[in-house]
N, C-alpha and C. Protein backbone atom coordinates (compact mmCIF):
# COMPACT_ATOMS: atom_id res chain seq x y z
N MET A 1 58.75 -66.29 -26.90
CA MET A 1 57.63 -65.88 -26.04
C MET A 1 56.61 -67.01 -26.04
N SER A 2 56.14 -67.38 -24.86
CA SER A 2 55.18 -68.48 -24.78
C SER A 2 53.85 -68.05 -25.36
N ARG A 3 53.11 -69.03 -25.85
CA ARG A 3 51.81 -68.72 -26.45
C ARG A 3 50.84 -68.14 -25.43
N PHE A 4 50.94 -68.61 -24.20
CA PHE A 4 50.03 -68.12 -23.16
C PHE A 4 50.26 -66.63 -22.91
N LEU A 5 51.55 -66.25 -22.79
CA LEU A 5 51.88 -64.86 -22.55
C LEU A 5 51.52 -64.02 -23.76
N LEU A 6 51.77 -64.56 -24.99
CA LEU A 6 51.44 -63.84 -26.21
C LEU A 6 49.93 -63.60 -26.31
N ALA A 7 49.17 -64.59 -25.89
CA ALA A 7 47.70 -64.45 -25.93
C ALA A 7 47.23 -63.32 -25.03
N TRP A 8 47.81 -63.25 -23.84
CA TRP A 8 47.43 -62.16 -22.91
C TRP A 8 47.83 -60.80 -23.46
N ILE A 9 49.01 -60.73 -24.07
CA ILE A 9 49.45 -59.46 -24.65
C ILE A 9 48.53 -59.04 -25.78
N CYS A 10 48.17 -60.01 -26.65
CA CYS A 10 47.26 -59.70 -27.75
C CYS A 10 45.89 -59.24 -27.23
N PHE A 11 45.42 -59.91 -26.17
CA PHE A 11 44.12 -59.57 -25.59
C PHE A 11 44.09 -58.11 -25.11
N PHE A 12 45.10 -57.73 -24.35
CA PHE A 12 45.15 -56.38 -23.79
C PHE A 12 45.41 -55.33 -24.87
N ARG A 13 46.23 -55.65 -25.90
CA ARG A 13 46.50 -54.68 -26.96
C ARG A 13 45.23 -54.45 -27.79
N ILE A 14 44.45 -55.52 -28.03
CA ILE A 14 43.17 -55.36 -28.73
C ILE A 14 42.21 -54.52 -27.87
N LEU A 15 42.25 -54.76 -26.56
CA LEU A 15 41.36 -54.06 -25.64
C LEU A 15 41.59 -52.56 -25.66
N ILE A 16 42.86 -52.16 -25.78
CA ILE A 16 43.19 -50.73 -25.75
C ILE A 16 43.38 -50.15 -27.14
N GLY A 17 43.11 -50.97 -28.18
CA GLY A 17 43.15 -50.45 -29.55
C GLY A 17 44.53 -50.36 -30.14
N LYS A 18 45.44 -51.19 -29.73
CA LYS A 18 46.80 -51.16 -30.27
C LYS A 18 47.01 -52.31 -31.27
N LYS A 19 48.09 -52.18 -32.06
CA LYS A 19 48.45 -53.25 -32.99
C LYS A 19 48.88 -54.48 -32.23
N LEU A 20 48.63 -55.63 -32.88
CA LEU A 20 49.14 -56.88 -32.31
C LEU A 20 50.65 -56.94 -32.51
N PRO A 21 51.36 -57.58 -31.63
CA PRO A 21 52.81 -57.72 -31.84
C PRO A 21 53.10 -58.61 -33.05
N MET A 22 54.28 -58.44 -33.63
CA MET A 22 54.66 -59.23 -34.80
C MET A 22 54.71 -60.71 -34.49
N ASP A 23 54.98 -61.07 -33.22
CA ASP A 23 55.01 -62.49 -32.86
C ASP A 23 53.67 -63.16 -33.04
N ALA A 24 52.57 -62.34 -33.11
CA ALA A 24 51.24 -62.93 -33.24
C ALA A 24 50.85 -63.17 -34.68
N VAL A 25 51.63 -62.63 -35.64
CA VAL A 25 51.27 -62.75 -37.05
C VAL A 25 51.19 -64.20 -37.50
N PRO A 26 52.15 -65.10 -37.14
CA PRO A 26 52.05 -66.50 -37.60
C PRO A 26 50.79 -67.20 -37.14
N PHE A 27 50.16 -66.69 -36.07
CA PHE A 27 48.98 -67.39 -35.54
C PHE A 27 47.68 -66.81 -36.09
N LEU A 28 47.77 -65.78 -36.95
CA LEU A 28 46.56 -65.20 -37.52
C LEU A 28 46.07 -66.04 -38.67
N PRO A 29 44.78 -66.00 -38.98
CA PRO A 29 44.27 -66.75 -40.14
C PRO A 29 44.93 -66.27 -41.41
N GLU A 30 44.97 -67.11 -42.41
CA GLU A 30 45.63 -66.80 -43.66
C GLU A 30 44.96 -65.60 -44.32
N GLY A 31 45.75 -64.63 -44.74
CA GLY A 31 45.24 -63.42 -45.40
C GLY A 31 44.88 -62.32 -44.42
N ALA A 32 44.91 -62.63 -43.14
CA ALA A 32 44.58 -61.60 -42.15
C ALA A 32 45.79 -60.76 -41.85
N ALA A 33 45.58 -59.55 -41.49
CA ALA A 33 46.67 -58.64 -41.14
C ALA A 33 46.42 -58.10 -39.75
N PRO A 34 47.46 -57.72 -39.07
CA PRO A 34 47.27 -57.16 -37.73
C PRO A 34 46.38 -55.91 -37.79
N PRO A 35 45.42 -55.78 -36.88
CA PRO A 35 44.52 -54.61 -36.89
C PRO A 35 45.29 -53.33 -36.65
N LYS A 36 44.84 -52.29 -37.33
CA LYS A 36 45.46 -50.99 -37.12
C LYS A 36 45.05 -50.43 -35.76
N GLU A 37 45.90 -49.52 -35.29
CA GLU A 37 45.57 -48.88 -34.02
C GLU A 37 44.32 -48.01 -34.19
N LEU A 38 43.49 -48.05 -33.18
CA LEU A 38 42.31 -47.20 -33.20
C LEU A 38 42.73 -45.74 -33.11
N PRO A 39 42.05 -44.86 -33.82
CA PRO A 39 42.42 -43.44 -33.75
C PRO A 39 42.29 -42.92 -32.34
N GLU A 40 43.22 -42.08 -32.00
CA GLU A 40 43.18 -41.50 -30.67
C GLU A 40 41.93 -40.66 -30.51
N THR A 41 41.34 -40.79 -29.35
CA THR A 41 40.12 -40.02 -29.09
C THR A 41 40.47 -38.55 -28.97
N THR A 42 39.55 -37.72 -29.48
CA THR A 42 39.78 -36.28 -29.46
C THR A 42 38.98 -35.58 -28.38
N GLY A 43 38.30 -36.40 -27.59
CA GLY A 43 37.49 -35.80 -26.54
C GLY A 43 36.08 -35.49 -27.00
N ARG A 44 35.76 -35.76 -28.29
CA ARG A 44 34.42 -35.45 -28.79
C ARG A 44 33.36 -36.28 -28.09
N ALA A 45 33.73 -37.54 -27.77
CA ALA A 45 32.76 -38.40 -27.08
C ALA A 45 32.41 -37.83 -25.73
N GLU A 46 33.35 -37.10 -25.13
CA GLU A 46 33.08 -36.51 -23.82
C GLU A 46 32.38 -35.17 -23.98
N VAL A 47 32.71 -34.43 -25.07
CA VAL A 47 32.14 -33.11 -25.26
C VAL A 47 30.66 -33.20 -25.58
N VAL A 48 30.27 -34.17 -26.42
CA VAL A 48 28.87 -34.29 -26.82
C VAL A 48 27.95 -34.52 -25.63
N PRO A 49 28.24 -35.52 -24.74
CA PRO A 49 27.38 -35.67 -23.56
C PRO A 49 27.36 -34.42 -22.70
N GLN A 50 28.49 -33.72 -22.62
CA GLN A 50 28.53 -32.51 -21.81
C GLN A 50 27.59 -31.45 -22.39
N LYS A 51 27.61 -31.32 -23.73
CA LYS A 51 26.71 -30.34 -24.35
C LYS A 51 25.26 -30.74 -24.16
N VAL A 52 24.99 -32.03 -24.25
CA VAL A 52 23.62 -32.50 -24.04
C VAL A 52 23.16 -32.16 -22.64
N GLU A 53 24.03 -32.38 -21.66
CA GLU A 53 23.69 -32.08 -20.27
C GLU A 53 23.49 -30.58 -20.07
N GLU A 54 24.32 -29.77 -20.77
CA GLU A 54 24.15 -28.32 -20.66
C GLU A 54 22.79 -27.89 -21.23
N LYS A 55 22.40 -28.51 -22.36
CA LYS A 55 21.10 -28.19 -22.94
C LYS A 55 19.97 -28.56 -21.99
N ARG A 56 20.11 -29.73 -21.37
CA ARG A 56 19.09 -30.17 -20.43
C ARG A 56 18.99 -29.21 -19.25
N GLU A 57 20.14 -28.76 -18.76
CA GLU A 57 20.15 -27.84 -17.63
C GLU A 57 19.52 -26.49 -18.03
N GLU A 58 19.78 -26.05 -19.28
CA GLU A 58 19.16 -24.82 -19.76
C GLU A 58 17.64 -24.95 -19.79
N LYS A 59 17.16 -26.11 -20.26
CA LYS A 59 15.71 -26.32 -20.31
C LYS A 59 15.12 -26.37 -18.91
N ARG A 60 15.85 -27.03 -17.99
CA ARG A 60 15.36 -27.08 -16.61
C ARG A 60 15.31 -25.68 -16.01
N GLU A 61 16.31 -24.85 -16.30
CA GLU A 61 16.34 -23.48 -15.78
C GLU A 61 15.21 -22.66 -16.39
N GLU A 62 14.93 -22.88 -17.69
CA GLU A 62 13.83 -22.18 -18.33
C GLU A 62 12.50 -22.53 -17.67
N LYS A 63 12.33 -23.82 -17.35
CA LYS A 63 11.09 -24.24 -16.69
C LYS A 63 10.98 -23.64 -15.29
N ARG A 64 12.13 -23.60 -14.58
CA ARG A 64 12.11 -22.99 -13.24
C ARG A 64 11.76 -21.50 -13.33
N GLU A 65 12.31 -20.83 -14.35
CA GLU A 65 12.02 -19.40 -14.53
C GLU A 65 10.55 -19.19 -14.88
N GLU A 66 9.99 -20.09 -15.71
CA GLU A 66 8.57 -19.99 -16.05
C GLU A 66 7.70 -20.15 -14.82
N LYS A 67 8.07 -21.09 -13.93
CA LYS A 67 7.30 -21.28 -12.70
C LYS A 67 7.41 -20.06 -11.79
N ARG A 68 8.65 -19.48 -11.72
CA ARG A 68 8.81 -18.27 -10.90
C ARG A 68 7.96 -17.13 -11.46
N GLU A 69 7.92 -17.01 -12.78
CA GLU A 69 7.14 -15.95 -13.41
C GLU A 69 5.65 -16.16 -13.15
N GLU A 70 5.20 -17.43 -13.22
CA GLU A 70 3.80 -17.73 -12.94
C GLU A 70 3.44 -17.36 -11.51
N LYS A 71 4.35 -17.64 -10.56
CA LYS A 71 4.09 -17.29 -9.16
C LYS A 71 4.04 -15.78 -8.98
N ARG A 72 4.95 -15.07 -9.68
CA ARG A 72 4.92 -13.61 -9.59
C ARG A 72 3.60 -13.05 -10.13
N GLU A 73 3.14 -13.62 -11.24
CA GLU A 73 1.88 -13.15 -11.82
C GLU A 73 0.71 -13.45 -10.88
N GLU A 74 0.74 -14.62 -10.22
CA GLU A 74 -0.32 -14.97 -9.28
C GLU A 74 -0.33 -14.01 -8.10
N ARG A 75 0.88 -13.64 -7.61
CA ARG A 75 0.94 -12.69 -6.49
C ARG A 75 0.41 -11.32 -6.90
N GLU A 76 0.76 -10.89 -8.12
CA GLU A 76 0.29 -9.60 -8.60
C GLU A 76 -1.23 -9.60 -8.75
N LYS A 77 -1.77 -10.71 -9.27
CA LYS A 77 -3.23 -10.81 -9.42
C LYS A 77 -3.90 -10.79 -8.06
N ALA A 78 -3.30 -11.46 -7.07
CA ALA A 78 -3.87 -11.47 -5.72
C ALA A 78 -3.87 -10.07 -5.12
N LYS A 79 -2.76 -9.32 -5.35
CA LYS A 79 -2.69 -7.95 -4.84
C LYS A 79 -3.75 -7.08 -5.49
N LEU A 80 -3.88 -7.21 -6.83
CA LEU A 80 -4.87 -6.42 -7.53
C LEU A 80 -6.28 -6.78 -7.08
N SER A 81 -6.51 -8.08 -6.86
CA SER A 81 -7.83 -8.52 -6.41
C SER A 81 -8.15 -7.97 -5.03
N ALA A 82 -7.16 -7.99 -4.12
CA ALA A 82 -7.38 -7.46 -2.78
C ALA A 82 -7.62 -5.96 -2.82
N ALA A 83 -6.82 -5.24 -3.63
CA ALA A 83 -7.00 -3.80 -3.75
C ALA A 83 -8.37 -3.46 -4.33
N GLN A 84 -8.80 -4.23 -5.34
CA GLN A 84 -10.11 -4.01 -5.94
C GLN A 84 -11.22 -4.26 -4.93
N HIS A 85 -11.04 -5.31 -4.11
CA HIS A 85 -12.05 -5.64 -3.10
C HIS A 85 -12.16 -4.52 -2.07
N HIS A 86 -11.01 -3.98 -1.63
CA HIS A 86 -11.03 -2.88 -0.66
C HIS A 86 -11.69 -1.64 -1.27
N ARG A 87 -11.36 -1.36 -2.54
CA ARG A 87 -11.95 -0.21 -3.22
C ARG A 87 -13.46 -0.37 -3.33
N ASP A 88 -13.91 -1.56 -3.73
CA ASP A 88 -15.35 -1.80 -3.87
C ASP A 88 -16.06 -1.68 -2.52
N GLY A 89 -15.39 -2.17 -1.45
CA GLY A 89 -15.99 -2.08 -0.12
C GLY A 89 -16.16 -0.64 0.32
N ALA A 90 -15.14 0.18 0.05
CA ALA A 90 -15.21 1.60 0.43
C ALA A 90 -16.32 2.30 -0.34
N LEU A 91 -16.44 2.03 -1.64
CA LEU A 91 -17.47 2.66 -2.45
C LEU A 91 -18.86 2.19 -2.03
N ALA A 92 -18.98 0.90 -1.68
CA ALA A 92 -20.27 0.39 -1.24
C ALA A 92 -20.71 1.05 0.07
N PHE A 93 -19.77 1.29 0.98
CA PHE A 93 -20.10 1.94 2.24
C PHE A 93 -20.49 3.40 2.01
N LEU A 94 -19.78 4.06 1.09
CA LEU A 94 -20.14 5.43 0.75
C LEU A 94 -21.53 5.48 0.14
N ALA A 95 -21.89 4.47 -0.65
CA ALA A 95 -23.23 4.41 -1.23
C ALA A 95 -24.28 4.29 -0.14
N LEU A 96 -23.98 3.55 0.93
CA LEU A 96 -24.92 3.45 2.06
C LEU A 96 -25.13 4.81 2.73
N LEU A 97 -24.02 5.52 2.93
CA LEU A 97 -24.11 6.84 3.56
C LEU A 97 -24.91 7.81 2.68
N GLN A 98 -24.76 7.69 1.38
CA GLN A 98 -25.51 8.54 0.46
C GLN A 98 -26.98 8.15 0.47
N ARG A 99 -27.27 6.87 0.46
CA ARG A 99 -28.67 6.42 0.39
C ARG A 99 -29.45 6.81 1.64
N GLU A 100 -28.82 6.64 2.80
CA GLU A 100 -29.54 6.89 4.04
C GLU A 100 -29.43 8.35 4.51
N GLY A 101 -28.30 9.01 4.23
CA GLY A 101 -28.11 10.36 4.77
C GLY A 101 -27.84 11.43 3.73
N ARG A 102 -27.82 11.05 2.44
CA ARG A 102 -27.51 12.02 1.40
C ARG A 102 -26.19 12.75 1.70
N LEU A 103 -25.20 11.99 2.19
CA LEU A 103 -23.94 12.60 2.61
C LEU A 103 -23.21 13.26 1.45
N VAL A 104 -23.15 12.58 0.30
CA VAL A 104 -22.45 13.14 -0.85
C VAL A 104 -23.12 14.42 -1.33
N ASP A 105 -24.46 14.41 -1.37
CA ASP A 105 -25.18 15.62 -1.77
C ASP A 105 -24.86 16.79 -0.83
N PHE A 106 -24.86 16.51 0.47
CA PHE A 106 -24.61 17.55 1.47
C PHE A 106 -23.20 18.12 1.33
N LEU A 107 -22.21 17.23 1.17
CA LEU A 107 -20.82 17.69 1.09
C LEU A 107 -20.51 18.37 -0.23
N ARG A 108 -21.21 17.99 -1.28
CA ARG A 108 -20.95 18.58 -2.60
C ARG A 108 -21.69 19.92 -2.79
N GLU A 109 -22.65 20.18 -1.93
CA GLU A 109 -23.44 21.40 -2.07
C GLU A 109 -22.69 22.60 -1.51
N SER A 110 -22.74 23.72 -2.20
CA SER A 110 -22.14 24.95 -1.69
C SER A 110 -23.09 25.55 -0.65
N LEU A 111 -22.59 25.86 0.51
CA LEU A 111 -23.42 26.37 1.61
C LEU A 111 -23.35 27.89 1.73
N ASP A 112 -22.69 28.55 0.81
CA ASP A 112 -22.50 30.00 0.92
C ASP A 112 -23.82 30.77 0.92
N GLY A 113 -24.80 30.33 0.18
CA GLY A 113 -26.04 31.08 0.07
C GLY A 113 -27.10 30.70 1.08
N TYR A 114 -26.77 29.83 2.04
CA TYR A 114 -27.76 29.37 3.01
C TYR A 114 -27.47 29.99 4.38
N SER A 115 -28.53 30.17 5.14
CA SER A 115 -28.37 30.66 6.51
C SER A 115 -27.96 29.52 7.42
N ASP A 116 -27.49 29.89 8.60
CA ASP A 116 -27.10 28.87 9.58
C ASP A 116 -28.28 27.99 9.95
N ALA A 117 -29.46 28.58 10.01
CA ALA A 117 -30.65 27.80 10.36
C ALA A 117 -30.95 26.76 9.28
N ASP A 118 -30.83 27.17 8.00
CA ASP A 118 -31.07 26.23 6.90
C ASP A 118 -30.04 25.10 6.92
N ILE A 119 -28.78 25.47 7.16
CA ILE A 119 -27.71 24.46 7.19
C ILE A 119 -27.93 23.51 8.36
N GLY A 120 -28.35 24.06 9.50
CA GLY A 120 -28.60 23.22 10.67
C GLY A 120 -29.71 22.21 10.42
N ALA A 121 -30.77 22.64 9.76
CA ALA A 121 -31.88 21.73 9.46
C ALA A 121 -31.44 20.62 8.52
N ALA A 122 -30.64 20.99 7.47
CA ALA A 122 -30.15 19.97 6.53
C ALA A 122 -29.18 19.02 7.21
N ALA A 123 -28.31 19.58 8.05
CA ALA A 123 -27.33 18.75 8.74
C ALA A 123 -28.00 17.75 9.67
N ARG A 124 -29.15 18.12 10.22
CA ARG A 124 -29.86 17.19 11.10
C ARG A 124 -30.30 15.94 10.35
N ASP A 125 -30.80 16.13 9.13
CA ASP A 125 -31.23 14.98 8.34
C ASP A 125 -30.04 14.11 7.94
N VAL A 126 -28.93 14.76 7.55
CA VAL A 126 -27.72 14.03 7.18
C VAL A 126 -27.20 13.25 8.38
N HIS A 127 -27.19 13.90 9.52
CA HIS A 127 -26.72 13.25 10.75
C HIS A 127 -27.56 12.03 11.08
N ARG A 128 -28.87 12.17 10.96
CA ARG A 128 -29.76 11.06 11.30
C ARG A 128 -29.52 9.86 10.40
N GLY A 129 -29.41 10.10 9.09
CA GLY A 129 -29.24 8.98 8.16
C GLY A 129 -27.87 8.33 8.29
N CYS A 130 -26.81 9.11 8.41
CA CYS A 130 -25.46 8.54 8.51
C CYS A 130 -25.27 7.81 9.84
N LYS A 131 -25.88 8.33 10.90
CA LYS A 131 -25.80 7.66 12.20
C LYS A 131 -26.46 6.29 12.14
N LYS A 132 -27.54 6.20 11.38
CA LYS A 132 -28.23 4.93 11.20
C LYS A 132 -27.32 3.90 10.53
N VAL A 133 -26.59 4.34 9.51
CA VAL A 133 -25.67 3.44 8.81
C VAL A 133 -24.58 2.94 9.75
N LEU A 134 -23.98 3.84 10.53
CA LEU A 134 -22.91 3.44 11.45
C LEU A 134 -23.42 2.45 12.48
N GLU A 135 -24.61 2.72 13.03
CA GLU A 135 -25.14 1.83 14.06
C GLU A 135 -25.50 0.45 13.51
N GLN A 136 -25.91 0.39 12.25
CA GLN A 136 -26.30 -0.88 11.66
C GLN A 136 -25.11 -1.74 11.27
N HIS A 137 -24.00 -1.10 10.89
CA HIS A 137 -22.92 -1.86 10.28
C HIS A 137 -21.60 -1.86 11.06
N LEU A 138 -21.40 -0.94 11.99
CA LEU A 138 -20.13 -0.83 12.70
C LEU A 138 -20.34 -0.71 14.20
N SER A 139 -19.41 -1.29 14.95
CA SER A 139 -19.40 -1.14 16.40
C SER A 139 -18.08 -0.49 16.79
N PHE A 140 -18.14 0.48 17.71
CA PHE A 140 -16.97 1.26 18.08
C PHE A 140 -16.67 1.15 19.57
N GLU A 141 -15.43 1.46 19.89
CA GLU A 141 -15.03 1.63 21.28
C GLU A 141 -13.93 2.70 21.32
N PRO A 142 -13.79 3.42 22.44
CA PRO A 142 -12.74 4.44 22.53
C PRO A 142 -11.36 3.79 22.51
N VAL A 143 -10.41 4.44 21.86
CA VAL A 143 -9.03 3.96 21.87
C VAL A 143 -8.44 4.13 23.26
N MET A 144 -8.67 5.27 23.88
CA MET A 144 -8.20 5.54 25.24
C MET A 144 -9.40 5.85 26.11
N PRO A 145 -9.80 4.94 26.98
CA PRO A 145 -10.96 5.18 27.84
C PRO A 145 -10.72 6.40 28.74
N GLY A 146 -11.81 7.07 29.06
CA GLY A 146 -11.73 8.25 29.92
C GLY A 146 -12.48 9.41 29.32
N ALA A 147 -12.84 10.35 30.17
CA ALA A 147 -13.58 11.52 29.73
C ALA A 147 -12.62 12.53 29.11
N GLU A 148 -13.12 13.23 28.11
CA GLU A 148 -12.31 14.28 27.50
C GLU A 148 -12.04 15.40 28.50
N GLU A 149 -10.90 16.04 28.36
CA GLU A 149 -10.38 17.07 29.26
C GLU A 149 -9.87 16.48 30.58
N GLN A 150 -9.81 15.17 30.66
CA GLN A 150 -9.28 14.50 31.85
C GLN A 150 -7.77 14.33 31.72
N LYS A 151 -7.06 14.35 32.84
CA LYS A 151 -5.62 14.12 32.84
C LYS A 151 -5.34 12.63 32.63
N VAL A 152 -4.44 12.34 31.68
CA VAL A 152 -4.11 10.95 31.35
C VAL A 152 -2.60 10.81 31.25
N SER A 153 -2.15 9.55 31.23
CA SER A 153 -0.74 9.23 31.07
C SER A 153 -0.55 8.40 29.81
N VAL A 154 0.42 8.80 29.01
CA VAL A 154 0.75 8.05 27.78
C VAL A 154 1.90 7.11 28.11
N PRO A 155 1.69 5.80 28.06
CA PRO A 155 2.71 4.85 28.52
C PRO A 155 3.89 4.74 27.57
N LYS A 156 4.96 4.17 28.07
CA LYS A 156 6.13 3.90 27.26
C LYS A 156 5.81 2.81 26.23
N GLY A 157 6.30 2.97 25.02
CA GLY A 157 6.04 1.98 23.97
C GLY A 157 4.66 2.11 23.35
N PHE A 158 4.01 3.27 23.48
CA PHE A 158 2.68 3.45 22.91
C PHE A 158 2.75 3.42 21.38
N ASP A 159 1.61 3.07 20.78
CA ASP A 159 1.52 2.98 19.31
C ASP A 159 1.10 4.34 18.76
N PRO A 160 1.95 4.99 17.93
CA PRO A 160 1.59 6.30 17.36
C PRO A 160 0.32 6.25 16.52
N ALA A 161 -0.05 5.05 16.01
CA ALA A 161 -1.30 4.95 15.25
C ALA A 161 -2.51 5.03 16.17
N GLU A 162 -2.33 4.76 17.46
CA GLU A 162 -3.43 4.80 18.42
C GLU A 162 -3.48 6.11 19.19
N ILE A 163 -2.33 6.69 19.47
CA ILE A 163 -2.28 7.92 20.27
C ILE A 163 -1.44 8.95 19.52
N ARG A 164 -2.06 10.09 19.23
CA ARG A 164 -1.35 11.19 18.57
C ARG A 164 -1.07 12.27 19.60
N LEU A 165 0.19 12.60 19.76
CA LEU A 165 0.58 13.61 20.73
C LEU A 165 0.42 15.00 20.12
N ILE A 166 -0.17 15.88 20.86
CA ILE A 166 -0.35 17.27 20.44
C ILE A 166 0.58 18.13 21.30
N GLY A 167 1.38 18.95 20.67
CA GLY A 167 2.34 19.76 21.41
C GLY A 167 3.72 19.14 21.34
N GLU A 168 4.65 19.72 22.06
CA GLU A 168 6.04 19.28 22.04
C GLU A 168 6.28 18.22 23.11
N ALA A 169 6.81 17.09 22.67
CA ALA A 169 7.14 16.01 23.60
C ALA A 169 8.57 16.17 24.08
N LYS A 170 8.75 16.27 25.36
CA LYS A 170 10.08 16.44 25.93
C LYS A 170 10.46 15.18 26.71
N GLY A 171 11.66 14.70 26.45
CA GLY A 171 12.14 13.52 27.15
C GLY A 171 11.54 12.24 26.58
N GLU A 172 11.52 11.22 27.39
CA GLU A 172 11.03 9.91 27.00
C GLU A 172 9.72 9.61 27.73
N PRO A 173 8.82 8.79 27.10
CA PRO A 173 7.58 8.42 27.80
C PRO A 173 7.91 7.57 29.03
N PRO A 174 6.96 7.55 29.98
CA PRO A 174 5.57 8.01 29.88
C PRO A 174 5.43 9.53 29.92
N PHE A 175 4.38 10.00 29.17
CA PHE A 175 4.05 11.42 29.16
C PHE A 175 2.73 11.64 29.89
N SER A 176 2.57 12.79 30.44
CA SER A 176 1.30 13.17 31.06
C SER A 176 0.71 14.31 30.27
N GLY A 177 -0.63 14.33 30.14
CA GLY A 177 -1.27 15.38 29.39
C GLY A 177 -2.77 15.36 29.59
N THR A 178 -3.48 16.12 28.76
CA THR A 178 -4.94 16.23 28.84
C THR A 178 -5.56 15.52 27.64
N LEU A 179 -6.53 14.67 27.87
CA LEU A 179 -7.20 13.93 26.81
C LEU A 179 -8.15 14.86 26.05
N ARG A 180 -7.79 15.19 24.82
CA ARG A 180 -8.63 16.05 24.01
C ARG A 180 -9.68 15.26 23.24
N HIS A 181 -9.32 14.07 22.82
CA HIS A 181 -10.28 13.18 22.13
C HIS A 181 -9.86 11.74 22.40
N HIS A 182 -10.82 10.92 22.77
CA HIS A 182 -10.48 9.55 23.15
C HIS A 182 -10.24 8.62 21.97
N GLY A 183 -10.50 9.10 20.74
CA GLY A 183 -10.27 8.25 19.56
C GLY A 183 -11.35 7.19 19.42
N TRP A 184 -11.35 6.54 18.28
CA TRP A 184 -12.32 5.48 18.02
C TRP A 184 -11.61 4.28 17.41
N ARG A 185 -12.05 3.11 17.81
CA ARG A 185 -11.57 1.85 17.21
C ARG A 185 -12.79 1.02 16.82
N VAL A 186 -12.78 0.49 15.60
CA VAL A 186 -13.87 -0.38 15.15
C VAL A 186 -13.61 -1.78 15.71
N VAL A 187 -14.55 -2.29 16.48
CA VAL A 187 -14.41 -3.63 17.06
C VAL A 187 -15.22 -4.68 16.29
N ASP A 188 -16.14 -4.22 15.47
CA ASP A 188 -16.93 -5.17 14.68
C ASP A 188 -17.47 -4.45 13.44
N ALA A 189 -17.43 -5.14 12.31
CA ALA A 189 -17.94 -4.57 11.06
C ALA A 189 -18.84 -5.60 10.39
N LYS A 190 -20.06 -5.22 10.13
CA LYS A 190 -21.03 -6.10 9.48
C LYS A 190 -21.49 -5.43 8.18
N LEU A 191 -20.59 -5.43 7.23
CA LEU A 191 -20.90 -4.78 5.96
C LEU A 191 -21.63 -5.75 5.04
N PRO A 192 -22.48 -5.24 4.17
CA PRO A 192 -23.22 -6.12 3.25
C PRO A 192 -22.27 -6.84 2.28
N THR A 193 -22.68 -8.02 1.86
CA THR A 193 -21.89 -8.79 0.90
C THR A 193 -21.90 -8.08 -0.46
N LEU A 194 -20.73 -8.02 -1.06
CA LEU A 194 -20.60 -7.36 -2.36
C LEU A 194 -21.06 -8.30 -3.47
N ALA A 195 -22.09 -7.90 -4.19
CA ALA A 195 -22.59 -8.72 -5.29
C ALA A 195 -21.70 -8.54 -6.52
N GLU A 196 -21.61 -9.59 -7.33
CA GLU A 196 -20.81 -9.55 -8.54
C GLU A 196 -21.55 -8.79 -9.64
N GLY A 197 -20.76 -8.14 -10.51
CA GLY A 197 -21.35 -7.49 -11.67
C GLY A 197 -22.01 -6.15 -11.39
N VAL A 198 -21.77 -5.57 -10.21
CA VAL A 198 -22.36 -4.28 -9.86
C VAL A 198 -21.31 -3.19 -10.04
N ASP A 199 -21.67 -2.12 -10.69
CA ASP A 199 -20.75 -1.00 -10.89
C ASP A 199 -20.68 -0.20 -9.59
N ARG A 200 -19.60 -0.36 -8.83
CA ARG A 200 -19.48 0.28 -7.53
C ARG A 200 -19.21 1.78 -7.65
N THR A 201 -18.85 2.23 -8.83
CA THR A 201 -18.59 3.66 -8.98
C THR A 201 -19.88 4.48 -8.98
N VAL A 202 -21.02 3.81 -9.17
CA VAL A 202 -22.31 4.50 -9.11
C VAL A 202 -22.73 4.56 -7.64
N ILE A 203 -22.46 5.68 -6.99
CA ILE A 203 -22.79 5.84 -5.57
C ILE A 203 -24.28 6.01 -5.38
N ALA A 204 -24.91 6.71 -6.30
CA ALA A 204 -26.36 6.91 -6.25
C ALA A 204 -26.87 6.97 -7.68
N PRO A 205 -27.93 6.25 -8.01
CA PRO A 205 -28.45 6.30 -9.38
C PRO A 205 -29.16 7.61 -9.64
N ALA A 206 -29.20 7.97 -10.89
CA ALA A 206 -29.99 9.15 -11.27
C ALA A 206 -31.47 8.84 -11.08
N GLU A 207 -32.25 9.83 -10.69
CA GLU A 207 -33.67 9.65 -10.44
C GLU A 207 -34.47 10.46 -11.46
N VAL A 208 -35.36 9.80 -12.14
CA VAL A 208 -36.20 10.45 -13.18
C VAL A 208 -37.67 10.24 -12.83
N GLU A 209 -38.38 11.32 -12.64
CA GLU A 209 -39.82 11.23 -12.36
C GLU A 209 -40.57 11.28 -13.68
N LEU A 210 -41.28 10.22 -13.99
CA LEU A 210 -41.99 10.13 -15.26
C LEU A 210 -43.25 10.99 -15.24
N GLY A 211 -43.53 11.61 -16.35
CA GLY A 211 -44.75 12.40 -16.52
C GLY A 211 -44.67 13.77 -15.90
N ALA A 212 -43.52 14.13 -15.33
CA ALA A 212 -43.43 15.47 -14.73
C ALA A 212 -42.96 16.48 -15.73
């Protein structure tokens, strides 16, 4: 075997971890022995990086789950905040009706022991105060224009939230009928700004006359 060919064989056998051929022994340094074959790989070198990548993917998934949980918590907080705001607004408006018209007092009072004349006089004061609140803070328009007891037509595709049918509806709209109430729609609301730190559950404070 030529030395050139032997050199190439030795090069490739070393490269792949195999023993040198016996023909190469005379050319080795004195006292040197042909290298042993490298142990066959067991796949551990491939398994370890795979496990590392799996761990990394688990951590990435944990972070994604944490972000999803944070977003869910933010949405829940936003819902609670909106619900609280609506509740506070409703209580604040009720407080206005109580302050100006004593509406809560009137509705909570038992009227069994009063005459119609007494009730009428009290209702006049309640009406005056509550009407003032509505005029100051809300603007209205009829849902269905027209005079009550007038003949009207209910169009096809009407919104049940806007028009409530009374009686039995036969067939498909349009329907014809008598306008019993034109309904109300709020077109503008100018409610007072809700101040922070106010207990909205207190509709009216207790009143104490000193020295009495």
